[in-house]
Amino acid sequence: MNPSYVPPTPEDLLRLADELGNTRTQMAALAHVSTGRQWAKYTWGDKTPEADRRDLGFDKAFLIAARLELMKGPIKNIEQIHERMRSFGCFVGPDVDGEPQL
């Protein structure tokens, strides 16, 4: 299943890091990227070269959301993770066939 997905903006990701009180290195660990420098490619600013800018992929956003939800307790369903993704700026919609994501 492949839900429709729009990644969060760099500003959304900076806001999430601020809300969590996390450094770039901590955010990199949360998203399972190698370093804080690699994470910075998702939170690029005006001076970041175009070639270094990245959108946060569905897999990374899902992982971040799942880890944050697990810190609160058991995950009851996939919608709980999708809702957490939405809380930090992702759009997660129905799959490409128009059916709700299970």
N, C-alpha and C. Protein backbone atom coordinates (compact mmCIF):
# COMPACT_ATOMS: atom_id res chain seq x y z
N MET A 1 0.83 -1.17 0.00
CA MET A 1 0.00 0.00 0.00
C MET A 1 0.88 1.24 0.00
N ASN A 2 0.47 2.23 -0.76
CA ASN A 2 1.28 3.43 -0.89
C ASN A 2 0.39 4.66 -0.70
N PRO A 3 0.32 5.19 0.53
CA PRO A 3 -0.54 6.36 0.75
C PRO A 3 0.02 7.58 0.04
N SER A 4 -0.87 8.51 -0.28
CA SER A 4 -0.36 9.76 -0.83
C SER A 4 0.34 10.50 0.31
N TYR A 5 1.41 11.16 -0.04
CA TYR A 5 2.28 11.75 0.98
C TYR A 5 2.88 13.04 0.45
N VAL A 6 2.86 14.06 1.29
CA VAL A 6 3.56 15.31 1.03
C VAL A 6 4.45 15.54 2.25
N PRO A 7 5.75 15.73 2.02
CA PRO A 7 6.67 15.86 3.16
C PRO A 7 6.48 17.17 3.91
N PRO A 8 6.95 17.19 5.16
CA PRO A 8 6.92 18.44 5.91
C PRO A 8 7.93 19.42 5.32
N THR A 9 7.72 20.68 5.58
CA THR A 9 8.66 21.71 5.12
C THR A 9 9.88 21.72 6.04
N PRO A 10 10.96 22.33 5.60
CA PRO A 10 12.12 22.48 6.50
C PRO A 10 11.72 23.20 7.79
N GLU A 11 10.84 24.19 7.69
CA GLU A 11 10.39 24.92 8.88
C GLU A 11 9.62 24.00 9.84
N ASP A 12 8.82 23.10 9.28
CA ASP A 12 8.10 22.12 10.12
C ASP A 12 9.09 21.25 10.90
N LEU A 13 10.14 20.82 10.23
CA LEU A 13 11.13 19.96 10.87
C LEU A 13 11.93 20.71 11.92
N LEU A 14 12.24 21.96 11.65
CA LEU A 14 12.94 22.78 12.65
C LEU A 14 12.05 22.99 13.87
N ARG A 15 10.76 23.20 13.63
CA ARG A 15 9.82 23.37 14.74
C ARG A 15 9.72 22.09 15.57
N LEU A 16 9.68 20.93 14.91
CA LEU A 16 9.62 19.65 15.63
C LEU A 16 10.86 19.48 16.50
N ALA A 17 12.03 19.75 15.95
CA ALA A 17 13.27 19.63 16.73
C ALA A 17 13.23 20.56 17.94
N ASP A 18 12.73 21.76 17.73
CA ASP A 18 12.63 22.73 18.82
C ASP A 18 11.65 22.25 19.89
N GLU A 19 10.50 21.73 19.47
CA GLU A 19 9.50 21.21 20.43
C GLU A 19 10.06 20.06 21.25
N LEU A 20 10.87 19.23 20.60
CA LEU A 20 11.46 18.09 21.29
C LEU A 20 12.70 18.49 22.10
N GLY A 21 13.24 19.66 21.80
CA GLY A 21 14.48 20.09 22.44
C GLY A 21 15.68 19.31 21.93
N ASN A 22 15.60 18.85 20.68
CA ASN A 22 16.65 18.01 20.10
C ASN A 22 17.63 18.81 19.27
N THR A 23 18.87 18.37 19.29
CA THR A 23 19.91 18.91 18.42
C THR A 23 19.80 18.24 17.05
N ARG A 24 20.58 18.73 16.09
CA ARG A 24 20.60 18.09 14.77
C ARG A 24 21.06 16.65 14.88
N THR A 25 22.03 16.39 15.74
CA THR A 25 22.53 15.03 15.92
C THR A 25 21.44 14.12 16.49
N GLN A 26 20.69 14.61 17.44
CA GLN A 26 19.59 13.82 18.01
C GLN A 26 18.48 13.58 16.99
N MET A 27 18.19 14.58 16.17
CA MET A 27 17.18 14.41 15.12
C MET A 27 17.66 13.40 14.08
N ALA A 28 18.95 13.44 13.78
CA ALA A 28 19.52 12.47 12.84
C ALA A 28 19.33 11.05 13.37
N ALA A 29 19.58 10.86 14.65
CA ALA A 29 19.40 9.53 15.25
C ALA A 29 17.94 9.12 15.21
N LEU A 30 17.03 10.04 15.49
CA LEU A 30 15.60 9.75 15.48
C LEU A 30 15.14 9.32 14.09
N ALA A 31 15.68 9.96 13.06
CA ALA A 31 15.30 9.66 11.68
C ALA A 31 16.17 8.58 11.04
N HIS A 32 17.13 8.08 11.79
CA HIS A 32 18.06 7.05 11.32
C HIS A 32 18.84 7.52 10.09
N VAL A 33 19.38 8.75 10.20
CA VAL A 33 20.34 9.23 9.20
C VAL A 33 21.69 9.34 9.89
N SER A 34 22.75 9.33 9.12
CA SER A 34 24.08 9.14 9.69
C SER A 34 24.57 10.24 10.63
N THR A 35 24.33 11.50 10.30
CA THR A 35 24.89 12.58 11.12
C THR A 35 23.96 13.79 11.16
N GLY A 36 24.26 14.71 12.05
CA GLY A 36 23.53 15.97 12.10
C GLY A 36 23.68 16.75 10.81
N ARG A 37 24.82 16.62 10.19
CA ARG A 37 25.05 17.29 8.91
C ARG A 37 24.11 16.74 7.83
N GLN A 38 23.90 15.43 7.87
CA GLN A 38 22.97 14.80 6.92
C GLN A 38 21.54 15.27 7.21
N TRP A 39 21.18 15.36 8.49
CA TRP A 39 19.85 15.85 8.88
C TRP A 39 19.63 17.27 8.37
N ALA A 40 20.67 18.08 8.38
CA ALA A 40 20.56 19.48 7.95
C ALA A 40 20.10 19.60 6.50
N LYS A 41 20.29 18.56 5.72
CA LYS A 41 19.83 18.59 4.33
C LYS A 41 18.31 18.62 4.25
N TYR A 42 17.63 18.16 5.31
CA TYR A 42 16.17 18.18 5.35
C TYR A 42 15.65 19.52 5.89
N THR A 43 16.52 20.28 6.54
CA THR A 43 16.10 21.54 7.16
C THR A 43 16.85 22.72 6.54
N TRP A 44 17.14 22.59 5.27
CA TRP A 44 17.96 23.56 4.57
C TRP A 44 17.43 24.98 4.70
N GLY A 45 18.38 25.90 4.59
CA GLY A 45 18.07 27.32 4.61
C GLY A 45 18.39 27.96 3.26
N ASP A 46 18.31 29.26 3.21
CA ASP A 46 18.53 30.00 1.96
C ASP A 46 19.93 29.78 1.38
N LYS A 47 20.90 29.54 2.24
CA LYS A 47 22.28 29.40 1.77
C LYS A 47 22.65 27.97 1.40
N THR A 48 21.74 27.04 1.59
CA THR A 48 22.01 25.63 1.26
C THR A 48 21.95 25.46 -0.26
N PRO A 49 23.01 24.91 -0.85
CA PRO A 49 22.98 24.68 -2.29
C PRO A 49 21.82 23.76 -2.68
N GLU A 50 21.24 24.01 -3.82
CA GLU A 50 20.10 23.23 -4.31
C GLU A 50 20.41 21.73 -4.30
N ALA A 51 21.61 21.36 -4.68
CA ALA A 51 21.99 19.94 -4.75
C ALA A 51 22.00 19.25 -3.39
N ASP A 52 22.09 20.02 -2.31
CA ASP A 52 22.12 19.44 -0.96
C ASP A 52 20.76 19.40 -0.28
N ARG A 53 19.74 19.95 -0.91
CA ARG A 53 18.41 19.99 -0.30
C ARG A 53 17.68 18.67 -0.51
N ARG A 54 17.04 18.20 0.55
CA ARG A 54 16.30 16.94 0.49
C ARG A 54 14.92 17.13 1.10
N ASP A 55 13.94 16.42 0.56
CA ASP A 55 12.63 16.31 1.20
C ASP A 55 12.67 15.06 2.08
N LEU A 56 12.01 15.13 3.22
CA LEU A 56 11.96 13.98 4.12
C LEU A 56 11.04 12.93 3.50
N GLY A 57 11.59 11.76 3.22
CA GLY A 57 10.80 10.69 2.61
C GLY A 57 9.79 10.10 3.58
N PHE A 58 8.80 9.43 3.02
CA PHE A 58 7.75 8.80 3.81
C PHE A 58 8.35 7.86 4.85
N ASP A 59 9.36 7.08 4.45
CA ASP A 59 9.95 6.11 5.37
C ASP A 59 10.58 6.78 6.59
N LYS A 60 11.28 7.88 6.38
CA LYS A 60 11.89 8.59 7.50
C LYS A 60 10.83 9.24 8.39
N ALA A 61 9.82 9.85 7.76
CA ALA A 61 8.75 10.48 8.53
C ALA A 61 8.00 9.43 9.35
N PHE A 62 7.74 8.28 8.75
CA PHE A 62 7.04 7.20 9.44
C PHE A 62 7.87 6.73 10.63
N LEU A 63 9.16 6.56 10.42
CA LEU A 63 10.05 6.11 11.49
C LEU A 63 10.08 7.11 12.65
N ILE A 64 10.20 8.39 12.33
CA ILE A 64 10.18 9.42 13.38
C ILE A 64 8.88 9.34 14.16
N ALA A 65 7.76 9.30 13.46
CA ALA A 65 6.45 9.26 14.12
C ALA A 65 6.29 8.01 14.97
N ALA A 66 6.70 6.87 14.44
CA ALA A 66 6.57 5.62 15.20
C ALA A 66 7.42 5.66 16.46
N ARG A 67 8.63 6.15 16.35
CA ARG A 67 9.50 6.24 17.53
C ARG A 67 8.93 7.19 18.58
N LEU A 68 8.40 8.32 18.13
CA LEU A 68 7.81 9.27 19.07
C LEU A 68 6.58 8.68 19.75
N GLU A 69 5.77 7.96 19.00
CA GLU A 69 4.58 7.33 19.58
C GLU A 69 4.96 6.21 20.55
N LEU A 70 5.98 5.45 20.21
CA LEU A 70 6.42 4.38 21.11
C LEU A 70 6.94 4.91 22.44
N MET A 71 7.47 6.14 22.42
CA MET A 71 7.93 6.75 23.66
C MET A 71 6.75 7.03 24.60
N LYS A 72 5.56 7.18 24.04
CA LYS A 72 4.36 7.43 24.84
C LYS A 72 3.70 6.14 25.31
N GLY A 73 3.95 5.05 24.61
CA GLY A 73 3.32 3.77 24.96
C GLY A 73 3.07 2.94 23.72
N PRO A 74 2.30 1.87 23.86
CA PRO A 74 2.04 0.98 22.72
C PRO A 74 1.31 1.71 21.58
N ILE A 75 1.59 1.27 20.37
CA ILE A 75 0.89 1.78 19.19
C ILE A 75 -0.29 0.86 18.93
N LYS A 76 -1.47 1.46 18.83
CA LYS A 76 -2.69 0.67 18.68
C LYS A 76 -3.06 0.41 17.22
N ASN A 77 -2.72 1.35 16.33
CA ASN A 77 -3.05 1.18 14.92
C ASN A 77 -2.19 2.10 14.07
N ILE A 78 -2.20 1.87 12.78
CA ILE A 78 -1.38 2.64 11.85
C ILE A 78 -1.81 4.11 11.81
N GLU A 79 -3.08 4.37 11.99
CA GLU A 79 -3.58 5.75 11.96
C GLU A 79 -2.94 6.59 13.06
N GLN A 80 -2.61 5.98 14.16
CA GLN A 80 -1.92 6.69 15.25
C GLN A 80 -0.58 7.25 14.75
N ILE A 81 0.12 6.46 13.96
CA ILE A 81 1.40 6.91 13.41
C ILE A 81 1.17 7.99 12.36
N HIS A 82 0.17 7.79 11.50
CA HIS A 82 -0.13 8.80 10.48
C HIS A 82 -0.53 10.12 11.13
N GLU A 83 -1.29 10.06 12.20
CA GLU A 83 -1.69 11.28 12.90
C GLU A 83 -0.48 12.00 13.47
N ARG A 84 0.45 11.25 14.00
CA ARG A 84 1.68 11.86 14.52
C ARG A 84 2.48 12.50 13.39
N MET A 85 2.52 11.85 12.22
CA MET A 85 3.19 12.43 11.05
C MET A 85 2.55 13.77 10.69
N ARG A 86 1.22 13.80 10.71
CA ARG A 86 0.50 15.04 10.39
C ARG A 86 0.83 16.13 11.40
N SER A 87 1.10 15.75 12.65
CA SER A 87 1.37 16.73 13.69
C SER A 87 2.66 17.51 13.43
N PHE A 88 3.56 16.96 12.62
CA PHE A 88 4.77 17.70 12.29
C PHE A 88 4.85 18.06 10.80
N GLY A 89 3.68 18.24 10.18
CA GLY A 89 3.62 18.84 8.86
C GLY A 89 3.50 17.93 7.67
N CYS A 90 3.45 16.63 7.86
CA CYS A 90 3.28 15.72 6.73
C CYS A 90 1.81 15.69 6.31
N PHE A 91 1.58 15.46 5.03
CA PHE A 91 0.25 15.12 4.57
C PHE A 91 0.28 13.64 4.27
N VAL A 92 -0.60 12.89 4.89
CA VAL A 92 -0.73 11.46 4.63
C VAL A 92 -2.19 11.22 4.30
N GLY A 93 -2.45 10.83 3.06
CA GLY A 93 -3.82 10.62 2.62
C GLY A 93 -4.08 9.18 2.27
N PRO A 94 -5.17 8.95 1.60
CA PRO A 94 -5.50 7.57 1.19
C PRO A 94 -4.48 7.06 0.18
N ASP A 95 -4.46 5.74 0.01
CA ASP A 95 -3.50 5.18 -0.95
C ASP A 95 -3.90 5.59 -2.37
N VAL A 96 -3.07 5.23 -3.33
CA VAL A 96 -3.26 5.68 -4.70
C VAL A 96 -4.56 5.18 -5.33
N ASP A 97 -5.13 4.12 -4.81
CA ASP A 97 -6.39 3.61 -5.30
C ASP A 97 -7.59 4.34 -4.68
N GLY A 98 -7.33 5.26 -3.77
CA GLY A 98 -8.40 6.00 -3.14
C GLY A 98 -8.99 5.31 -1.92
N GLU A 99 -8.43 4.17 -1.56
CA GLU A 99 -8.90 3.45 -0.38
C GLU A 99 -8.20 3.99 0.85
N PRO A 100 -8.88 4.00 1.99
CA PRO A 100 -8.21 4.48 3.21
C PRO A 100 -7.01 3.60 3.53
N GLN A 101 -5.99 4.21 4.10
CA GLN A 101 -4.80 3.47 4.54
C GLN A 101 -5.16 2.63 5.74
N LEU A 102 -4.83 1.35 5.73
CA LEU A 102 -5.13 0.46 6.85
C LEU A 102 -4.07 0.49 7.89
